[in-house]
Amino acid sequence: MNITDSNNTSGSPATDSLVVRFVRDTRGANLVEYIMLVGLIAILCIVAFRQFGDVVEKKIGQEKSAIDAINATTGGGG
């Protein structure tokens, strides 16, 4: 059944008009799409941090140790 069909006798004309306007109204659709996209990106980031977090933390620790060793040999401080 086509909502825009003028032979639709399922409800009152006012109700049919509201339904047709609701179906045709696309305001806010872009906002919803952007919210869904941001949510998907957030989920992907969380998964990536959980997957690679230990590896990244270990690598950062190694780099910190190397910098601390350089500072110790050159007399630099932090």
N, C-alpha and C. Protein backbone atom coordinates (compact mmCIF):
# COMPACT_ATOMS: atom_id res chain seq x y z
N MET A 1 0.83 -1.18 0.00
CA MET A 1 0.00 0.00 0.00
C MET A 1 0.87 1.24 0.00
N ASN A 2 0.59 2.14 -0.83
CA ASN A 2 1.33 3.38 -0.95
C ASN A 2 0.74 4.40 0.00
N ILE A 3 1.57 5.00 0.86
CA ILE A 3 1.09 5.97 1.85
C ILE A 3 0.55 7.22 1.17
N THR A 4 1.11 7.56 0.04
CA THR A 4 0.66 8.76 -0.66
C THR A 4 -0.56 8.50 -1.52
N ASP A 5 -1.08 7.30 -1.50
CA ASP A 5 -2.25 6.94 -2.30
C ASP A 5 -3.47 7.72 -1.80
N SER A 6 -4.13 8.43 -2.67
CA SER A 6 -5.28 9.24 -2.27
C SER A 6 -6.51 8.39 -2.01
N ASN A 7 -6.51 7.13 -2.40
CA ASN A 7 -7.64 6.24 -2.16
C ASN A 7 -7.55 5.55 -0.82
N ASN A 8 -6.61 5.93 0.03
CA ASN A 8 -6.42 5.33 1.34
C ASN A 8 -7.58 5.75 2.24
N THR A 9 -8.36 4.78 2.71
CA THR A 9 -9.51 5.09 3.56
C THR A 9 -9.34 4.50 4.95
N SER A 10 -8.10 4.27 5.37
CA SER A 10 -7.86 3.61 6.64
C SER A 10 -8.05 4.54 7.83
N GLY A 11 -8.03 5.83 7.64
CA GLY A 11 -8.15 6.74 8.76
C GLY A 11 -8.75 8.05 8.32
N SER A 12 -8.81 8.98 9.25
CA SER A 12 -9.37 10.28 8.93
C SER A 12 -8.39 11.06 8.06
N PRO A 13 -8.89 12.04 7.33
CA PRO A 13 -7.98 12.84 6.48
C PRO A 13 -6.90 13.54 7.28
N ALA A 14 -7.22 13.99 8.50
CA ALA A 14 -6.20 14.66 9.32
C ALA A 14 -5.10 13.69 9.70
N THR A 15 -5.47 12.47 10.08
CA THR A 15 -4.48 11.46 10.44
C THR A 15 -3.64 11.07 9.24
N ASP A 16 -4.29 10.88 8.10
CA ASP A 16 -3.55 10.53 6.89
C ASP A 16 -2.57 11.63 6.52
N SER A 17 -2.99 12.87 6.68
CA SER A 17 -2.12 13.99 6.36
C SER A 17 -0.90 14.00 7.29
N LEU A 18 -1.11 13.71 8.57
CA LEU A 18 0.01 13.66 9.51
C LEU A 18 0.97 12.54 9.15
N VAL A 19 0.44 11.40 8.79
CA VAL A 19 1.29 10.26 8.44
C VAL A 19 2.10 10.58 7.20
N VAL A 20 1.46 11.15 6.20
CA VAL A 20 2.16 11.49 4.97
C VAL A 20 3.24 12.52 5.25
N ARG A 21 2.94 13.53 6.05
CA ARG A 21 3.95 14.54 6.39
C ARG A 21 5.10 13.93 7.17
N PHE A 22 4.78 13.01 8.09
CA PHE A 22 5.83 12.37 8.88
C PHE A 22 6.76 11.55 8.00
N VAL A 23 6.20 10.80 7.06
CA VAL A 23 7.01 9.95 6.18
C VAL A 23 7.87 10.80 5.25
N ARG A 24 7.33 11.90 4.78
CA ARG A 24 8.07 12.75 3.83
C ARG A 24 9.09 13.65 4.52
N ASP A 25 8.91 13.91 5.81
CA ASP A 25 9.79 14.83 6.53
C ASP A 25 11.16 14.19 6.74
N THR A 26 12.19 14.83 6.23
CA THR A 26 13.55 14.30 6.36
C THR A 26 14.43 15.18 7.23
N ARG A 27 13.82 16.17 7.89
CA ARG A 27 14.61 17.03 8.78
C ARG A 27 15.18 16.17 9.90
N GLY A 28 16.42 16.39 10.21
CA GLY A 28 17.07 15.64 11.28
C GLY A 28 17.69 14.34 10.82
N ALA A 29 17.43 13.93 9.60
CA ALA A 29 17.99 12.67 9.11
C ALA A 29 19.51 12.74 9.05
N ASN A 30 20.04 13.86 8.61
CA ASN A 30 21.50 13.99 8.55
C ASN A 30 22.11 13.95 9.94
N LEU A 31 21.45 14.58 10.90
CA LEU A 31 21.94 14.57 12.27
C LEU A 31 22.00 13.14 12.81
N VAL A 32 20.96 12.38 12.56
CA VAL A 32 20.94 10.99 13.01
C VAL A 32 22.06 10.20 12.35
N GLU A 33 22.29 10.43 11.08
CA GLU A 33 23.37 9.72 10.38
C GLU A 33 24.72 10.08 10.97
N TYR A 34 24.94 11.35 11.28
CA TYR A 34 26.20 11.76 11.88
C TYR A 34 26.37 11.16 13.28
N ILE A 35 25.30 11.12 14.05
CA ILE A 35 25.37 10.52 15.38
C ILE A 35 25.73 9.05 15.28
N MET A 36 25.12 8.36 14.33
CA MET A 36 25.44 6.93 14.13
C MET A 36 26.89 6.76 13.71
N LEU A 37 27.37 7.64 12.85
CA LEU A 37 28.76 7.56 12.38
C LEU A 37 29.73 7.81 13.53
N VAL A 38 29.46 8.81 14.35
CA VAL A 38 30.33 9.10 15.50
C VAL A 38 30.31 7.93 16.47
N GLY A 39 29.15 7.34 16.68
CA GLY A 39 29.05 6.17 17.56
C GLY A 39 29.86 5.00 17.04
N LEU A 40 29.79 4.77 15.74
CA LEU A 40 30.56 3.68 15.13
C LEU A 40 32.06 3.93 15.27
N ILE A 41 32.49 5.16 15.05
CA ILE A 41 33.91 5.50 15.19
C ILE A 41 34.35 5.30 16.64
N ALA A 42 33.51 5.71 17.58
CA ALA A 42 33.84 5.54 19.00
C ALA A 42 33.99 4.06 19.34
N ILE A 43 33.09 3.24 18.85
CA ILE A 43 33.17 1.80 19.11
C ILE A 43 34.45 1.22 18.51
N LEU A 44 34.78 1.63 17.30
CA LEU A 44 36.01 1.15 16.66
C LEU A 44 37.25 1.58 17.45
N CYS A 45 37.24 2.81 17.97
CA CYS A 45 38.38 3.26 18.78
C CYS A 45 38.51 2.45 20.06
N ILE A 46 37.40 2.19 20.70
CA ILE A 46 37.43 1.40 21.93
C ILE A 46 37.97 0.00 21.66
N VAL A 47 37.50 -0.61 20.58
CA VAL A 47 37.98 -1.94 20.22
C VAL A 47 39.47 -1.91 19.91
N ALA A 48 39.92 -0.89 19.19
CA ALA A 48 41.34 -0.78 18.85
C ALA A 48 42.20 -0.57 20.10
N PHE A 49 41.76 0.28 21.01
CA PHE A 49 42.52 0.49 22.23
C PHE A 49 42.58 -0.78 23.08
N ARG A 50 41.49 -1.51 23.12
CA ARG A 50 41.50 -2.77 23.88
C ARG A 50 42.41 -3.80 23.21
N GLN A 51 42.41 -3.81 21.89
CA GLN A 51 43.20 -4.79 21.16
C GLN A 51 44.70 -4.47 21.22
N PHE A 52 45.04 -3.20 21.04
CA PHE A 52 46.44 -2.82 20.92
C PHE A 52 46.97 -2.03 22.11
N GLY A 53 46.18 -1.84 23.14
CA GLY A 53 46.56 -1.03 24.28
C GLY A 53 47.82 -1.52 24.97
N ASP A 54 47.92 -2.82 25.21
CA ASP A 54 49.10 -3.37 25.90
C ASP A 54 50.36 -3.18 25.06
N VAL A 55 50.23 -3.38 23.77
CA VAL A 55 51.38 -3.23 22.87
C VAL A 55 51.86 -1.78 22.87
N VAL A 56 50.92 -0.86 22.78
CA VAL A 56 51.27 0.57 22.75
C VAL A 56 51.87 0.98 24.09
N GLU A 57 51.29 0.52 25.19
CA GLU A 57 51.82 0.86 26.51
C GLU A 57 53.25 0.34 26.69
N LYS A 58 53.50 -0.87 26.21
CA LYS A 58 54.85 -1.44 26.30
C LYS A 58 55.84 -0.62 25.47
N LYS A 59 55.43 -0.23 24.26
CA LYS A 59 56.31 0.55 23.39
C LYS A 59 56.61 1.93 24.00
N ILE A 60 55.60 2.56 24.57
CA ILE A 60 55.81 3.86 25.21
C ILE A 60 56.76 3.71 26.39
N GLY A 61 56.63 2.63 27.14
CA GLY A 61 57.54 2.37 28.26
C GLY A 61 58.97 2.19 27.79
N GLN A 62 59.15 1.51 26.66
CA GLN A 62 60.49 1.33 26.10
C GLN A 62 61.09 2.67 25.69
N GLU A 63 60.28 3.50 25.06
CA GLU A 63 60.77 4.82 24.63
C GLU A 63 61.11 5.68 25.85
N LYS A 64 60.29 5.62 26.89
CA LYS A 64 60.58 6.37 28.12
C LYS A 64 61.89 5.92 28.74
N SER A 65 62.13 4.61 28.76
CA SER A 65 63.38 4.09 29.31
C SER A 65 64.57 4.58 28.50
N ALA A 66 64.43 4.60 27.18
CA ALA A 66 65.52 5.07 26.33
C ALA A 66 65.80 6.54 26.59
N ILE A 67 64.76 7.35 26.73
CA ILE A 67 64.95 8.78 27.00
C ILE A 67 65.57 8.98 28.38
N ASP A 68 65.11 8.21 29.36
CA ASP A 68 65.69 8.31 30.71
C ASP A 68 67.18 7.94 30.68
N ALA A 69 67.55 6.93 29.89
CA ALA A 69 68.94 6.52 29.79
C ALA A 69 69.77 7.63 29.15
N ILE A 70 69.25 8.28 28.15
CA ILE A 70 69.98 9.38 27.50
C ILE A 70 70.16 10.53 28.48
N ASN A 71 69.10 10.85 29.23
CA ASN A 71 69.19 11.92 30.21
C ASN A 71 70.20 11.59 31.32
N ALA A 72 70.27 10.34 31.71
CA ALA A 72 71.20 9.92 32.76
C ALA A 72 72.65 10.06 32.30
N THR A 73 72.93 9.74 31.04
CA THR A 73 74.31 9.79 30.54
C THR A 73 74.75 11.19 30.21
N THR A 74 73.83 12.08 29.87
CA THR A 74 74.21 13.45 29.50
C THR A 74 74.04 14.41 30.66
N GLY A 75 73.53 13.91 31.77
CA GLY A 75 73.34 14.79 32.92
C GLY A 75 72.11 15.66 32.83
N GLY A 76 71.30 15.40 31.83
CA GLY A 76 70.05 16.17 31.68
C GLY A 76 69.04 15.73 32.71
N GLY A 77 68.11 16.58 32.95
CA GLY A 77 67.08 16.24 33.94
C GLY A 77 65.72 16.65 33.42
N GLY A 78 64.73 16.20 34.16
CA GLY A 78 63.41 16.52 33.71
C GLY A 78 62.58 17.20 34.67
